[in-house]
Amino acid sequence: MNKGELIDKIAKDTKLTKVQAGDALDAVLSAVTGTLAKGGKVTLVGFGTFSVLQRAKRKGRNPRTNKEINIKAKKVAKFKAGAELAKKVNK
């Protein structure tokens, strides 16, 4: 499912217009993104938790040349599924 299909599904299930559903989805995504950008986490009970992890710098290998390279430290977004979501996915 892509963003357009998700907007269609939200509009159908909530009886909102597609524009309203798109605005609602954009607001949710903006709130999650903004919180993660500040280093926070977002917990949606039953669905899961979005958080930020700090990856340390490390050594890697260029697969084409097999040369060792340095990989910079960076922050990455993480999602951990909640119990209810995990249960539904594993039905």
PDB file of N, CA and C in Angstrom:
ATOM      1  N   MET A   1       0.853  -1.169   0.000  1.00  0.00           N
ATOM      2  CA  MET A   1       0.000   0.000   0.000  1.00  0.00           C
ATOM      3  C   MET A   1       0.906   1.242   0.000  1.00  0.00           C
ATOM      4  N   ASN A   2       0.593   2.172  -0.874  1.00  0.00           N
ATOM      5  CA  ASN A   2       1.349   3.425  -0.910  1.00  0.00           C
ATOM      6  C   ASN A   2       0.529   4.525  -0.209  1.00  0.00           C
ATOM      7  N   LYS A   3       1.093   5.721  -0.164  1.00  0.00           N
ATOM      8  CA  LYS A   3       0.434   6.820   0.555  1.00  0.00           C
ATOM      9  C   LYS A   3      -0.937   7.145  -0.035  1.00  0.00           C
ATOM     10  N   GLY A   4      -1.051   7.156  -1.352  1.00  0.00           N
ATOM     11  CA  GLY A   4      -2.334   7.448  -1.991  1.00  0.00           C
ATOM     12  C   GLY A   4      -3.389   6.417  -1.645  1.00  0.00           C
ATOM     13  N   GLU A   5      -3.009   5.157  -1.643  1.00  0.00           N
ATOM     14  CA  GLU A   5      -3.948   4.089  -1.285  1.00  0.00           C
ATOM     15  C   GLU A   5      -4.348   4.189   0.185  1.00  0.00           C
ATOM     16  N   LEU A   6      -3.395   4.563   1.044  1.00  0.00           N
ATOM     17  CA  LEU A   6      -3.699   4.736   2.459  1.00  0.00           C
ATOM     18  C   LEU A   6      -4.681   5.897   2.657  1.00  0.00           C
ATOM     19  N   ILE A   7      -4.481   6.976   1.942  1.00  0.00           N
ATOM     20  CA  ILE A   7      -5.412   8.114   2.022  1.00  0.00           C
ATOM     21  C   ILE A   7      -6.803   7.693   1.575  1.00  0.00           C
ATOM     22  N   ASP A   8      -6.892   6.935   0.488  1.00  0.00           N
ATOM     23  CA  ASP A   8      -8.190   6.434   0.025  1.00  0.00           C
ATOM     24  C   ASP A   8      -8.872   5.581   1.093  1.00  0.00           C
ATOM     25  N   LYS A   9      -8.115   4.710   1.749  1.00  0.00           N
ATOM     26  CA  LYS A   9      -8.659   3.825   2.783  1.00  0.00           C
ATOM     27  C   LYS A   9      -9.135   4.635   3.986  1.00  0.00           C
ATOM     28  N   ILE A  10      -8.337   5.620   4.406  1.00  0.00           N
ATOM     29  CA  ILE A  10      -8.727   6.476   5.536  1.00  0.00           C
ATOM     30  C   ILE A  10     -10.006   7.241   5.189  1.00  0.00           C
ATOM     31  N   ALA A  11     -10.072   7.803   3.976  1.00  0.00           N
ATOM     32  CA  ALA A  11     -11.256   8.563   3.550  1.00  0.00           C
ATOM     33  C   ALA A  11     -12.502   7.676   3.554  1.00  0.00           C
ATOM     34  N   LYS A  12     -12.353   6.461   3.049  1.00  0.00           N
ATOM     35  CA  LYS A  12     -13.499   5.544   2.973  1.00  0.00           C
ATOM     36  C   LYS A  12     -13.961   5.136   4.375  1.00  0.00           C
ATOM     37  N   ASP A  13     -13.008   4.777   5.248  1.00  0.00           N
ATOM     38  CA  ASP A  13     -13.364   4.293   6.581  1.00  0.00           C
ATOM     39  C   ASP A  13     -13.904   5.382   7.504  1.00  0.00           C
ATOM     40  N   THR A  14     -13.474   6.621   7.314  1.00  0.00           N
ATOM     41  CA  THR A  14     -13.885   7.706   8.207  1.00  0.00           C
ATOM     42  C   THR A  14     -14.933   8.627   7.596  1.00  0.00           C
ATOM     43  N   LYS A  15     -15.241   8.399   6.345  1.00  0.00           N
ATOM     44  CA  LYS A  15     -16.198   9.226   5.604  1.00  0.00           C
ATOM     45  C   LYS A  15     -15.729  10.676   5.497  1.00  0.00           C
ATOM     46  N   LEU A  16     -14.402  10.857   5.454  1.00  0.00           N
ATOM     47  CA  LEU A  16     -13.808  12.166   5.189  1.00  0.00           C
ATOM     48  C   LEU A  16     -13.567  12.276   3.689  1.00  0.00           C
ATOM     49  N   THR A  17     -13.348  13.497   3.220  1.00  0.00           N
ATOM     50  CA  THR A  17     -12.943  13.642   1.823  1.00  0.00           C
ATOM     51  C   THR A  17     -11.485  13.196   1.721  1.00  0.00           C
ATOM     52  N   LYS A  18     -11.039  12.946   0.497  1.00  0.00           N
ATOM     53  CA  LYS A  18      -9.645  12.542   0.299  1.00  0.00           C
ATOM     54  C   LYS A  18      -8.690  13.652   0.735  1.00  0.00           C
ATOM     55  N   VAL A  19      -9.083  14.901   0.512  1.00  0.00           N
ATOM     56  CA  VAL A  19      -8.247  16.031   0.922  1.00  0.00           C
ATOM     57  C   VAL A  19      -8.124  16.062   2.448  1.00  0.00           C
ATOM     58  N   GLN A  20      -9.246  15.889   3.145  1.00  0.00           N
ATOM     59  CA  GLN A  20      -9.221  15.881   4.614  1.00  0.00           C
ATOM     60  C   GLN A  20      -8.402  14.704   5.140  1.00  0.00           C
ATOM     61  N   ALA A  21      -8.576  13.545   4.531  1.00  0.00           N
ATOM     62  CA  ALA A  21      -7.823  12.356   4.946  1.00  0.00           C
ATOM     63  C   ALA A  21      -6.335  12.562   4.702  1.00  0.00           C
ATOM     64  N   GLY A  22      -5.981  13.166   3.586  1.00  0.00           N
ATOM     65  CA  GLY A  22      -4.582  13.458   3.278  1.00  0.00           C
ATOM     66  C   GLY A  22      -3.988  14.432   4.273  1.00  0.00           C
ATOM     67  N   ASP A  23      -4.768  15.455   4.632  1.00  0.00           N
ATOM     68  CA  ASP A  23      -4.310  16.429   5.616  1.00  0.00           C
ATOM     69  C   ASP A  23      -4.108  15.775   6.988  1.00  0.00           C
ATOM     70  N   ALA A  24      -5.033  14.880   7.361  1.00  0.00           N
ATOM     71  CA  ALA A  24      -4.919  14.183   8.646  1.00  0.00           C
ATOM     72  C   ALA A  24      -3.678  13.290   8.666  1.00  0.00           C
ATOM     73  N   LEU A  25      -3.450  12.556   7.593  1.00  0.00           N
ATOM     74  CA  LEU A  25      -2.272  11.690   7.509  1.00  0.00           C
ATOM     75  C   LEU A  25      -0.996  12.516   7.548  1.00  0.00           C
ATOM     76  N   ASP A  26      -0.971  13.618   6.803  1.00  0.00           N
ATOM     77  CA  ASP A  26       0.210  14.494   6.804  1.00  0.00           C
ATOM     78  C   ASP A  26       0.484  15.052   8.205  1.00  0.00           C
ATOM     79  N   ALA A  27      -0.575  15.381   8.939  1.00  0.00           N
ATOM     80  CA  ALA A  27      -0.414  15.910  10.295  1.00  0.00           C
ATOM     81  C   ALA A  27       0.182  14.850  11.224  1.00  0.00           C
ATOM     82  N   VAL A  28      -0.281  13.625  11.102  1.00  0.00           N
ATOM     83  CA  VAL A  28       0.250  12.537  11.932  1.00  0.00           C
ATOM     84  C   VAL A  28       1.719  12.302  11.599  1.00  0.00           C
ATOM     85  N   LEU A  29       2.035  12.206  10.317  1.00  0.00           N
ATOM     86  CA  LEU A  29       3.418  11.956   9.907  1.00  0.00           C
ATOM     87  C   LEU A  29       4.331  13.103  10.327  1.00  0.00           C
ATOM     88  N   SER A  30       3.836  14.325  10.238  1.00  0.00           N
ATOM     89  CA  SER A  30       4.612  15.487  10.649  1.00  0.00           C
ATOM     90  C   SER A  30       4.886  15.461  12.151  1.00  0.00           C
ATOM     91  N   ALA A  31       3.895  15.085  12.937  1.00  0.00           N
ATOM     92  CA  ALA A  31       4.061  15.010  14.385  1.00  0.00           C
ATOM     93  C   ALA A  31       5.084  13.934  14.766  1.00  0.00           C
ATOM     94  N   VAL A  32       5.003  12.781  14.129  1.00  0.00           N
ATOM     95  CA  VAL A  32       5.955  11.693  14.402  1.00  0.00           C
ATOM     96  C   VAL A  32       7.362  12.120  13.986  1.00  0.00           C
ATOM     97  N   THR A  33       7.491  12.686  12.796  1.00  0.00           N
ATOM     98  CA  THR A  33       8.792  13.127  12.288  1.00  0.00           C
ATOM     99  C   THR A  33       9.401  14.198  13.189  1.00  0.00           C
ATOM    100  N   GLY A  34       8.601  15.169  13.581  1.00  0.00           N
ATOM    101  CA  GLY A  34       9.086  16.243  14.439  1.00  0.00           C
ATOM    102  C   GLY A  34       9.562  15.732  15.790  1.00  0.00           C
ATOM    103  N   THR A  35       8.826  14.811  16.374  1.00  0.00           N
ATOM    104  CA  THR A  35       9.210  14.240  17.663  1.00  0.00           C
ATOM    105  C   THR A  35      10.508  13.449  17.541  1.00  0.00           C
ATOM    106  N   LEU A  36      10.639  12.645  16.480  1.00  0.00           N
ATOM    107  CA  LEU A  36      11.864  11.870  16.280  1.00  0.00           C
ATOM    108  C   LEU A  36      13.059  12.779  16.010  1.00  0.00           C
ATOM    109  N   ALA A  37      12.835  13.847  15.268  1.00  0.00           N
ATOM    110  CA  ALA A  37      13.918  14.786  14.964  1.00  0.00           C
ATOM    111  C   ALA A  37      14.473  15.430  16.231  1.00  0.00           C
ATOM    112  N   LYS A  38      13.627  15.565  17.245  1.00  0.00           N
ATOM    113  CA  LYS A  38      14.057  16.136  18.522  1.00  0.00           C
ATOM    114  C   LYS A  38      14.626  15.073  19.463  1.00  0.00           C
ATOM    115  N   GLY A  39      14.696  13.826  18.982  1.00  0.00           N
ATOM    116  CA  GLY A  39      15.249  12.741  19.793  1.00  0.00           C
ATOM    117  C   GLY A  39      14.234  12.041  20.675  1.00  0.00           C
ATOM    118  N   GLY A  40      12.965  12.369  20.512  1.00  0.00           N
ATOM    119  CA  GLY A  40      11.912  11.762  21.331  1.00  0.00           C
ATOM    120  C   GLY A  40      11.438  10.443  20.761  1.00  0.00           C
ATOM    121  N   LYS A  41      10.402   9.904  21.376  1.00  0.00           N
ATOM    122  CA  LYS A  41       9.795   8.689  20.844  1.00  0.00           C
ATOM    123  C   LYS A  41       8.284   8.826  20.856  1.00  0.00           C
ATOM    124  N   VAL A  42       7.639   8.076  19.970  1.00  0.00           N
ATOM    125  CA  VAL A  42       6.181   8.101  19.839  1.00  0.00           C
ATOM    126  C   VAL A  42       5.672   6.690  20.074  1.00  0.00           C
ATOM    127  N   THR A  43       4.809   6.525  21.072  1.00  0.00           N
ATOM    128  CA  THR A  43       4.245   5.221  21.389  1.00  0.00           C
ATOM    129  C   THR A  43       2.756   5.231  21.081  1.00  0.00           C
ATOM    130  N   LEU A  44       2.336   4.332  20.238  1.00  0.00           N
ATOM    131  CA  LEU A  44       0.922   4.148  19.919  1.00  0.00           C
ATOM    132  C   LEU A  44       0.534   2.786  20.490  1.00  0.00           C
ATOM    133  N   VAL A  45      -0.134   2.780  21.627  1.00  0.00           N
ATOM    134  CA  VAL A  45      -0.443   1.549  22.351  1.00  0.00           C
ATOM    135  C   VAL A  45      -1.172   0.571  21.429  1.00  0.00           C
ATOM    136  N   GLY A  46      -0.666  -0.648  21.384  1.00  0.00           N
ATOM    137  CA  GLY A  46      -1.251  -1.690  20.551  1.00  0.00           C
ATOM    138  C   GLY A  46      -0.684  -1.715  19.148  1.00  0.00           C
ATOM    139  N   PHE A  47      -0.123  -0.611  18.691  1.00  0.00           N
ATOM    140  CA  PHE A  47       0.441  -0.549  17.340  1.00  0.00           C
ATOM    141  C   PHE A  47       1.952  -0.682  17.392  1.00  0.00           C
ATOM    142  N   GLY A  48       2.616   0.214  18.125  1.00  0.00           N
ATOM    143  CA  GLY A  48       4.066   0.124  18.224  1.00  0.00           C
ATOM    144  C   GLY A  48       4.694   1.427  18.658  1.00  0.00           C
ATOM    145  N   THR A  49       6.035   1.421  18.677  1.00  0.00           N
ATOM    146  CA  THR A  49       6.796   2.573  19.140  1.00  0.00           C
ATOM    147  C   THR A  49       7.829   2.981  18.098  1.00  0.00           C
ATOM    148  N   PHE A  50       7.832   4.265  17.774  1.00  0.00           N
ATOM    149  CA  PHE A  50       8.850   4.851  16.914  1.00  0.00           C
ATOM    150  C   PHE A  50       9.883   5.501  17.825  1.00  0.00           C
ATOM    151  N   SER A  51      11.168   5.246  17.572  1.00  0.00           N
ATOM    152  CA  SER A  51      12.218   5.854  18.389  1.00  0.00           C
ATOM    153  C   SER A  51      13.438   6.126  17.516  1.00  0.00           C
ATOM    154  N   VAL A  52      14.444   6.752  18.127  1.00  0.00           N
ATOM    155  CA  VAL A  52      15.679   7.087  17.422  1.00  0.00           C
ATOM    156  C   VAL A  52      16.833   6.366  18.110  1.00  0.00           C
ATOM    157  N   LEU A  53      17.682   5.728  17.316  1.00  0.00           N
ATOM    158  CA  LEU A  53      18.881   5.075  17.833  1.00  0.00           C
ATOM    159  C   LEU A  53      20.111   5.792  17.304  1.00  0.00           C
ATOM    160  N   GLN A  54      21.161   5.814  18.099  1.00  0.00           N
ATOM    161  CA  GLN A  54      22.432   6.383  17.675  1.00  0.00           C
ATOM    162  C   GLN A  54      23.342   5.219  17.274  1.00  0.00           C
ATOM    163  N   ARG A  55      23.749   5.194  16.025  1.00  0.00           N
ATOM    164  CA  ARG A  55      24.694   4.175  15.566  1.00  0.00           C
ATOM    165  C   ARG A  55      26.107   4.741  15.684  1.00  0.00           C
ATOM    166  N   ALA A  56      26.995   3.961  16.247  1.00  0.00           N
ATOM    167  CA  ALA A  56      28.380   4.391  16.411  1.00  0.00           C
ATOM    168  C   ALA A  56      29.106   4.330  15.068  1.00  0.00           C
ATOM    169  N   LYS A  57      30.211   5.081  14.974  1.00  0.00           N
ATOM    170  CA  LYS A  57      31.006   4.974  13.753  1.00  0.00           C
ATOM    171  C   LYS A  57      31.612   3.579  13.722  1.00  0.00           C
ATOM    172  N   ARG A  58      31.866   3.079  12.518  1.00  0.00           N
ATOM    173  CA  ARG A  58      32.371   1.715  12.383  1.00  0.00           C
ATOM    174  C   ARG A  58      33.150   1.560  11.092  1.00  0.00           C
ATOM    175  N   LYS A  59      33.797   0.473  10.960  1.00  0.00           N
ATOM    176  CA  LYS A  59      34.539   0.144   9.748  1.00  0.00           C
ATOM    177  C   LYS A  59      33.649  -0.728   8.876  1.00  0.00           C
ATOM    178  N   GLY A  60      33.765  -0.552   7.567  1.00  0.00           N
ATOM    179  CA  GLY A  60      33.022  -1.357   6.623  1.00  0.00           C
ATOM    180  C   GLY A  60      33.907  -1.688   5.437  1.00  0.00           C
ATOM    181  N   ARG A  61      33.346  -2.359   4.474  1.00  0.00           N
ATOM    182  CA  ARG A  61      34.082  -2.703   3.262  1.00  0.00           C
ATOM    183  C   ARG A  61      33.290  -2.293   2.035  1.00  0.00           C
ATOM    184  N   ASN A  62      33.986  -1.693   1.061  1.00  0.00           N
ATOM    185  CA  ASN A  62      33.383  -1.388  -0.224  1.00  0.00           C
ATOM    186  C   ASN A  62      33.281  -2.715  -0.974  1.00  0.00           C
ATOM    187  N   PRO A  63      32.083  -3.166  -1.323  1.00  0.00           N
ATOM    188  CA  PRO A  63      31.930  -4.470  -1.963  1.00  0.00           C
ATOM    189  C   PRO A  63      32.572  -4.554  -3.359  1.00  0.00           C
ATOM    190  N   ARG A  64      32.704  -3.425  -4.032  1.00  0.00           N
ATOM    191  CA  ARG A  64      33.310  -3.445  -5.370  1.00  0.00           C
ATOM    192  C   ARG A  64      34.826  -3.593  -5.309  1.00  0.00           C
ATOM    193  N   THR A  65      35.446  -2.847  -4.387  1.00  0.00           N
ATOM    194  CA  THR A  65      36.916  -2.835  -4.342  1.00  0.00           C
ATOM    195  C   THR A  65      37.477  -3.636  -3.177  1.00  0.00           C
ATOM    196  N   ASN A  66      36.613  -4.048  -2.250  1.00  0.00           N
ATOM    197  CA  ASN A  66      37.009  -4.771  -1.043  1.00  0.00           C
ATOM    198  C   ASN A  66      37.909  -3.920  -0.139  1.00  0.00           C
ATOM    199  N   LYS A  67      37.929  -2.604  -0.368  1.00  0.00           N
ATOM    200  CA  LYS A  67      38.711  -1.681   0.455  1.00  0.00           C
ATOM    201  C   LYS A  67      37.950  -1.366   1.732  1.00  0.00           C
ATOM    202  N   GLU A  68      38.705  -1.222   2.827  1.00  0.00           N
ATOM    203  CA  GLU A  68      38.098  -0.846   4.092  1.00  0.00           C
ATOM    204  C   GLU A  68      37.718   0.637   4.055  1.00  0.00           C
ATOM    205  N   ILE A  69      36.517   0.952   4.566  1.00  0.00           N
ATOM    206  CA  ILE A  69      36.054   2.332   4.609  1.00  0.00           C
ATOM    207  C   ILE A  69      35.565   2.656   6.012  1.00  0.00           C
ATOM    208  N   ASN A  70      35.538   3.934   6.346  1.00  0.00           N
ATOM    209  CA  ASN A  70      34.987   4.387   7.621  1.00  0.00           C
ATOM    210  C   ASN A  70      33.539   4.821   7.406  1.00  0.00           C
ATOM    211  N   ILE A  71      32.659   4.305   8.241  1.00  0.00           N
ATOM    212  CA  ILE A  71      31.248   4.676   8.178  1.00  0.00           C
ATOM    213  C   ILE A  71      30.974   5.589   9.364  1.00  0.00           C
ATOM    214  N   LYS A  72      30.466   6.789   9.085  1.00  0.00           N
ATOM    215  CA  LYS A  72      30.227   7.800  10.116  1.00  0.00           C
ATOM    216  C   LYS A  72      29.104   7.365  11.070  1.00  0.00           C
ATOM    217  N   ALA A  73      29.161   7.897  12.280  1.00  0.00           N
ATOM    218  CA  ALA A  73      28.078   7.699  13.239  1.00  0.00           C
ATOM    219  C   ALA A  73      26.842   8.434  12.724  1.00  0.00           C
ATOM    220  N   LYS A  74      25.681   7.895  13.016  1.00  0.00           N
ATOM    221  CA  LYS A  74      24.445   8.561  12.593  1.00  0.00           C
ATOM    222  C   LYS A  74      23.277   8.109  13.447  1.00  0.00           C
ATOM    223  N   LYS A  75      22.223   8.886  13.391  1.00  0.00           N
ATOM    224  CA  LYS A  75      20.973   8.539  14.056  1.00  0.00           C
ATOM    225  C   LYS A  75      20.070   7.843  13.041  1.00  0.00           C
ATOM    226  N   VAL A  76      19.347   6.820  13.494  1.00  0.00           N
ATOM    227  CA  VAL A  76      18.426   6.101  12.613  1.00  0.00           C
ATOM    228  C   VAL A  76      17.072   5.953  13.310  1.00  0.00           C
ATOM    229  N   ALA A  77      16.026   5.977  12.520  1.00  0.00           N
ATOM    230  CA  ALA A  77      14.679   5.767  13.047  1.00  0.00           C
ATOM    231  C   ALA A  77      14.449   4.269  13.216  1.00  0.00           C
ATOM    232  N   LYS A  78      13.748   3.916  14.287  1.00  0.00           N
ATOM    233  CA  LYS A  78      13.463   2.513  14.583  1.00  0.00           C
ATOM    234  C   LYS A  78      11.970   2.383  14.877  1.00  0.00           C
ATOM    235  N   PHE A  79      11.399   1.242  14.489  1.00  0.00           N
ATOM    236  CA  PHE A  79      10.005   0.945  14.817  1.00  0.00           C
ATOM    237  C   PHE A  79       9.957  -0.429  15.457  1.00  0.00           C
ATOM    238  N   LYS A  80       9.312  -0.514  16.619  1.00  0.00           N
ATOM    239  CA  LYS A  80       9.110  -1.793  17.289  1.00  0.00           C
ATOM    240  C   LYS A  80       7.615  -2.027  17.369  1.00  0.00           C
ATOM    241  N   ALA A  81       7.169  -3.103  16.759  1.00  0.00           N
ATOM    242  CA  ALA A  81       5.746  -3.421  16.728  1.00  0.00           C
ATOM    243  C   ALA A  81       5.230  -3.725  18.131  1.00  0.00           C
ATOM    244  N   GLY A  82       4.009  -3.277  18.400  1.00  0.00           N
ATOM    245  CA  GLY A  82       3.348  -3.575  19.669  1.00  0.00           C
ATOM    246  C   GLY A  82       2.787  -4.984  19.654  1.00  0.00           C
ATOM    247  N   ALA A  83       2.363  -5.469  20.807  1.00  0.00           N
ATOM    248  CA  ALA A  83       1.873  -6.843  20.942  1.00  0.00           C
ATOM    249  C   ALA A  83       0.667  -7.127  20.057  1.00  0.00           C
ATOM    250  N   GLU A  84      -0.295  -6.205  20.016  1.00  0.00           N
ATOM    251  CA  GLU A  84      -1.496  -6.429  19.206  1.00  0.00           C
ATOM    252  C   GLU A  84      -1.169  -6.498  17.714  1.00  0.00           C
ATOM    253  N   LEU A  85      -0.315  -5.611  17.237  1.00  0.00           N
ATOM    254  CA  LEU A  85       0.084  -5.629  15.829  1.00  0.00           C
ATOM    255  C   LEU A  85       0.824  -6.925  15.520  1.00  0.00           C
ATOM    256  N   ALA A  86       1.749  -7.307  16.369  1.00  0.00           N
ATOM    257  CA  ALA A  86       2.505  -8.530  16.151  1.00  0.00           C
ATOM    258  C   ALA A  86       1.591  -9.747  16.101  1.00  0.00           C
ATOM    259  N   LYS A  87       0.583  -9.770  16.972  1.00  0.00           N
ATOM    260  CA  LYS A  87      -0.369 -10.883  17.016  1.00  0.00           C
ATOM    261  C   LYS A  87      -1.169 -10.960  15.703  1.00  0.00           C
ATOM    262  N   LYS A  88      -1.629  -9.797  15.216  1.00  0.00           N
ATOM    263  CA  LYS A  88      -2.419  -9.780  13.975  1.00  0.00           C
ATOM    264  C   LYS A  88      -1.590 -10.157  12.767  1.00  0.00           C
ATOM    265  N   VAL A  89      -0.320  -9.752  12.738  1.00  0.00           N
ATOM    266  CA  VAL A  89       0.549 -10.069  11.618  1.00  0.00           C
ATOM    267  C   VAL A  89       0.858 -11.571  11.585  1.00  0.00           C
ATOM    268  N   ASN A  90       0.945 -12.188  12.763  1.00  0.00           N
ATOM    269  CA  ASN A  90       1.316 -13.594  12.853  1.00  0.00           C
ATOM    270  C   ASN A  90       0.129 -14.542  12.896  1.00  0.00           C
ATOM    271  N   LYS A  91      -1.063 -14.079  12.573  1.00  0.00           N
ATOM    272  CA  LYS A  91      -2.255 -14.942  12.532  1.00  0.00           C
ATOM    273  C   LYS A  91      -2.099 -16.006  11.495  1.00  0.00           C
TER     274      LYS A  91
END
